[in-house]
């Protein structure tokens, strides 16, 4: 019977589990590989929670230092990525005042990413501006759920656990955020077409 090869996501999960087991067995290089694999993603997620890049960098380092120090007491995990995201959020909640973590993004604070700086056509620039304006309509919690779902590929169940909400609340917030985005983008496209 033919069985298809594992998907990229399944292969990465298996690699993560193998690295996790090696790290728990005392292989520092395995923890370094997990750091290399997830540091950039963790920074992007942490930066959504607080705009202070230094706080996020310190929190990521603290997470990995604590992992190494507690490796003998750690068990198996079903998703290494989920564990790291949750650990980072907990560390940021510990070190950053909640008002900083809950602060709404404002357009004046917007700093374009490297990818956006490469956008060289006016049409793409206009689309990016409409998307930013649409995202500005979302609450901090809605932005966080959109980020976790679509940019970090977490399931509703995992997001609910991470945010300490029930799954239905996460699904409702996600639905509401997507509805706001659709409405906002539709209005901005119509205004752009009429201009």
Protein backbone atom coordinates (compact mmCIF):
# COMPACT_ATOMS: atom_id res chain seq x y z
CA UNK A 1 0.00 0.00 0.00
CA UNK A 2 1.36 3.40 -1.03
CA UNK A 3 1.80 5.98 1.67
CA UNK A 4 2.68 9.50 0.58
CA UNK A 5 5.90 11.03 1.84
CA UNK A 6 5.54 13.27 4.87
CA UNK A 7 4.63 16.88 4.21
CA UNK A 8 7.09 19.67 4.95
CA UNK A 9 5.10 20.49 8.11
CA UNK A 10 5.17 16.86 9.28
CA UNK A 11 8.89 16.55 8.52
CA UNK A 12 9.65 19.76 10.43
CA UNK A 13 7.58 18.52 13.38
CA UNK A 14 9.51 15.23 13.40
CA UNK A 15 12.82 17.14 13.21
CA UNK A 16 11.69 19.36 16.10
CA UNK A 17 10.82 16.33 18.23
CA UNK A 18 14.21 14.75 17.51
CA UNK A 19 15.99 18.01 18.41
CA UNK A 20 13.90 18.32 21.58
CA UNK A 21 14.85 14.79 22.67
CA UNK A 22 18.53 15.40 21.90
CA UNK A 23 18.49 18.68 23.83
CA UNK A 24 16.83 16.99 26.83
CA UNK A 25 19.59 14.37 26.66
CA UNK A 26 22.17 17.15 27.11
CA UNK A 27 23.16 17.99 23.55
CA UNK A 28 23.65 21.74 23.60
CA UNK A 29 23.92 21.82 19.79
CA UNK A 30 20.32 20.55 19.54
CA UNK A 31 19.10 23.50 21.61
CA UNK A 32 21.19 25.77 19.39
CA UNK A 33 19.50 24.27 16.32
CA UNK A 34 16.06 24.97 17.83
CA UNK A 35 17.16 28.52 18.59
CA UNK A 36 18.37 29.00 15.01
CA UNK A 37 15.14 27.54 13.66
CA UNK A 38 12.74 29.62 15.78
CA UNK A 39 14.49 32.79 16.98
CA UNK A 40 13.33 34.92 14.08
CA UNK A 41 9.73 33.67 14.31
CA UNK A 42 9.72 34.18 18.07
CA UNK A 43 11.04 37.70 17.64
CA UNK A 44 8.26 38.53 15.16
CA UNK A 45 5.65 37.12 17.54
CA UNK A 46 7.13 38.89 20.57
CA UNK A 47 7.30 42.14 18.64
CA UNK A 48 3.55 41.87 18.10
CA UNK A 49 3.14 41.73 21.87
CA UNK A 50 5.51 44.56 22.75
CA UNK A 51 7.21 47.04 20.45
CA UNK A 52 10.39 47.07 22.58
CA UNK A 53 12.80 44.96 20.51
CA UNK A 54 15.37 44.74 23.31
CA UNK A 55 12.79 43.34 25.73
CA UNK A 56 11.78 40.73 23.14
CA UNK A 57 15.40 39.73 22.43
CA UNK A 58 16.15 39.42 26.15
CA UNK A 59 12.99 37.37 26.69
CA UNK A 60 13.93 34.96 23.89
CA UNK A 61 17.39 34.49 25.36
CA UNK A 62 15.89 33.95 28.81
CA UNK A 63 13.52 31.29 27.45
CA UNK A 64 16.42 29.33 25.95
CA UNK A 65 18.65 29.76 29.02
CA UNK A 66 15.82 28.47 31.24
CA UNK A 67 15.22 25.55 28.89
CA UNK A 68 18.85 24.52 29.17
CA UNK A 69 18.88 24.93 32.94
CA UNK A 70 15.65 22.90 33.35
CA UNK A 71 16.28 20.29 30.64
CA UNK A 72 16.39 17.43 33.17
CA UNK A 73 12.88 18.32 34.38
CA UNK A 74 11.23 18.84 31.00
CA UNK A 75 9.00 16.20 29.46
CA UNK A 76 7.96 15.39 25.94
CA UNK A 77 6.03 18.06 24.07
CA UNK A 78 3.52 17.57 21.26
CA UNK A 79 4.64 20.75 19.48
CA UNK A 80 8.01 22.34 20.14
CA UNK A 81 6.95 25.48 18.28
CA UNK A 82 3.85 25.86 20.45
CA UNK A 83 5.89 25.30 23.61
CA UNK A 84 8.40 28.00 22.59
CA UNK A 85 5.69 30.53 21.67
CA UNK A 86 3.87 29.97 24.95
CA UNK A 87 7.13 30.19 26.92
CA UNK A 88 7.99 33.49 25.23
CA UNK A 89 4.56 34.94 25.93
CA UNK A 90 4.81 33.91 29.59
CA UNK A 91 8.28 35.46 29.85
CA UNK A 92 7.09 38.71 28.27
CA UNK A 93 4.13 38.82 30.67
CA UNK A 94 6.60 38.36 33.53
CA UNK A 95 9.03 41.11 32.47
CA UNK A 96 6.91 43.63 30.55
CA UNK A 97 4.09 45.63 32.11
CA UNK A 98 0.71 44.36 30.83
CA UNK A 99 -0.14 47.79 29.42
CA UNK A 100 2.87 47.52 27.13
CA UNK A 101 1.80 44.05 25.97
CA UNK A 102 -1.78 45.14 25.41
CA UNK A 103 -0.90 48.43 23.72
CA UNK A 104 -2.67 48.95 20.42
CA UNK A 105 -0.58 49.44 17.33
CA UNK A 106 -0.83 52.87 15.83
CA UNK A 107 0.11 53.84 12.30
CA UNK A 108 2.69 56.35 13.52
CA UNK A 109 4.63 53.47 15.15
CA UNK A 110 4.65 51.47 11.95
CA UNK A 111 8.09 50.51 10.70
CA UNK A 112 8.15 48.75 7.33
CA UNK A 113 9.70 45.29 7.21
CA UNK A 114 12.53 44.43 4.86
CA UNK A 115 10.05 42.79 2.49
CA UNK A 116 7.90 45.90 2.38
CA UNK A 117 10.89 48.13 1.73
CA UNK A 118 11.52 46.07 -1.42
CA UNK A 119 8.09 46.91 -2.78
CA UNK A 120 8.86 49.08 -5.77
CA UNK A 121 5.59 49.60 -7.58
CA UNK A 122 2.95 52.14 -6.67
CA UNK A 123 0.18 49.55 -6.92
CA UNK A 124 1.84 47.27 -4.38
CA UNK A 125 2.50 50.25 -2.14
CA UNK A 126 -1.19 51.17 -2.25
CA UNK A 127 -2.24 47.61 -1.38
CA UNK A 128 0.15 47.57 1.56
CA UNK A 129 -1.22 50.90 2.80
CA UNK A 130 -4.81 49.63 2.56
CA UNK A 131 -3.87 46.48 4.47
CA UNK A 132 -2.15 48.51 7.25
CA UNK A 133 -5.18 50.76 7.54
CA UNK A 134 -7.40 47.68 7.74
CA UNK A 135 -5.19 46.06 10.41
CA UNK A 136 -5.34 49.28 12.43
CA UNK A 137 -9.10 48.64 12.80
CA UNK A 138 -8.45 45.42 14.74
CA UNK A 139 -8.02 45.15 18.49
CA UNK A 140 -4.71 43.93 19.89
CA UNK A 141 -6.23 40.52 20.66
CA UNK A 142 -7.65 40.20 17.14
CA UNK A 143 -4.24 41.06 15.63
CA UNK A 144 -2.57 38.49 17.86
CA UNK A 145 -5.02 35.78 16.79
CA UNK A 146 -4.59 36.66 13.09
CA UNK A 147 -0.81 36.51 13.53
CA UNK A 148 -0.88 33.16 15.35
CA UNK A 149 -3.34 31.60 12.91
CA UNK A 150 -2.09 32.81 9.54
CA UNK A 151 1.55 33.75 10.05
CA UNK A 152 2.55 31.17 12.66
CA UNK A 153 0.16 28.40 11.51
CA UNK A 154 -1.26 27.50 14.90
CA UNK A 155 -4.57 25.68 15.20
CA UNK A 156 -7.56 27.24 16.99
CA UNK A 157 -7.08 24.76 19.86
CA UNK A 158 -3.42 25.78 20.29
CA UNK A 159 -4.24 29.49 20.12
CA UNK A 160 -6.95 29.01 22.74
CA UNK A 161 -4.49 27.28 25.07
CA UNK A 162 -1.81 29.92 24.49
CA UNK A 163 -4.17 32.83 25.10
CA UNK A 164 -6.03 31.08 27.91
CA UNK A 165 -9.36 31.42 26.12
CA UNK A 166 -11.88 28.79 25.11
CA UNK A 167 -11.83 27.61 21.50
CA UNK A 168 -15.20 29.16 20.69
CA UNK A 169 -14.01 32.59 21.85
CA UNK A 170 -10.92 32.31 19.64
CA UNK A 171 -13.05 31.20 16.68
CA UNK A 172 -15.43 34.13 17.27
CA UNK A 173 -12.59 36.65 17.54
CA UNK A 174 -10.97 35.27 14.41
CA UNK A 175 -14.25 35.43 12.51
CA UNK A 176 -14.88 39.00 13.69
CA UNK A 177 -11.35 40.07 12.74
CA UNK A 178 -11.65 38.56 9.26
CA UNK A 179 -15.03 40.23 8.78
CA UNK A 180 -13.54 43.60 9.79
CA UNK A 181 -10.64 43.10 7.40
CA UNK A 182 -12.92 42.16 4.52
CA UNK A 183 -15.18 45.17 5.13
CA UNK A 184 -12.28 47.59 5.57
CA UNK A 185 -10.45 46.32 2.48
CA UNK A 186 -13.62 46.45 0.40
CA UNK A 187 -14.31 50.06 1.42
CA UNK A 188 -10.71 51.12 0.76
CA UNK A 189 -10.69 49.42 -2.67
CA UNK A 190 -13.96 51.14 -3.61
CA UNK A 191 -12.59 54.51 -2.49
CA UNK A 192 -9.40 53.90 -4.41
CA UNK A 193 -11.33 52.95 -7.56
CA UNK A 194 -13.52 56.05 -7.27
CA UNK A 195 -10.57 58.38 -6.70
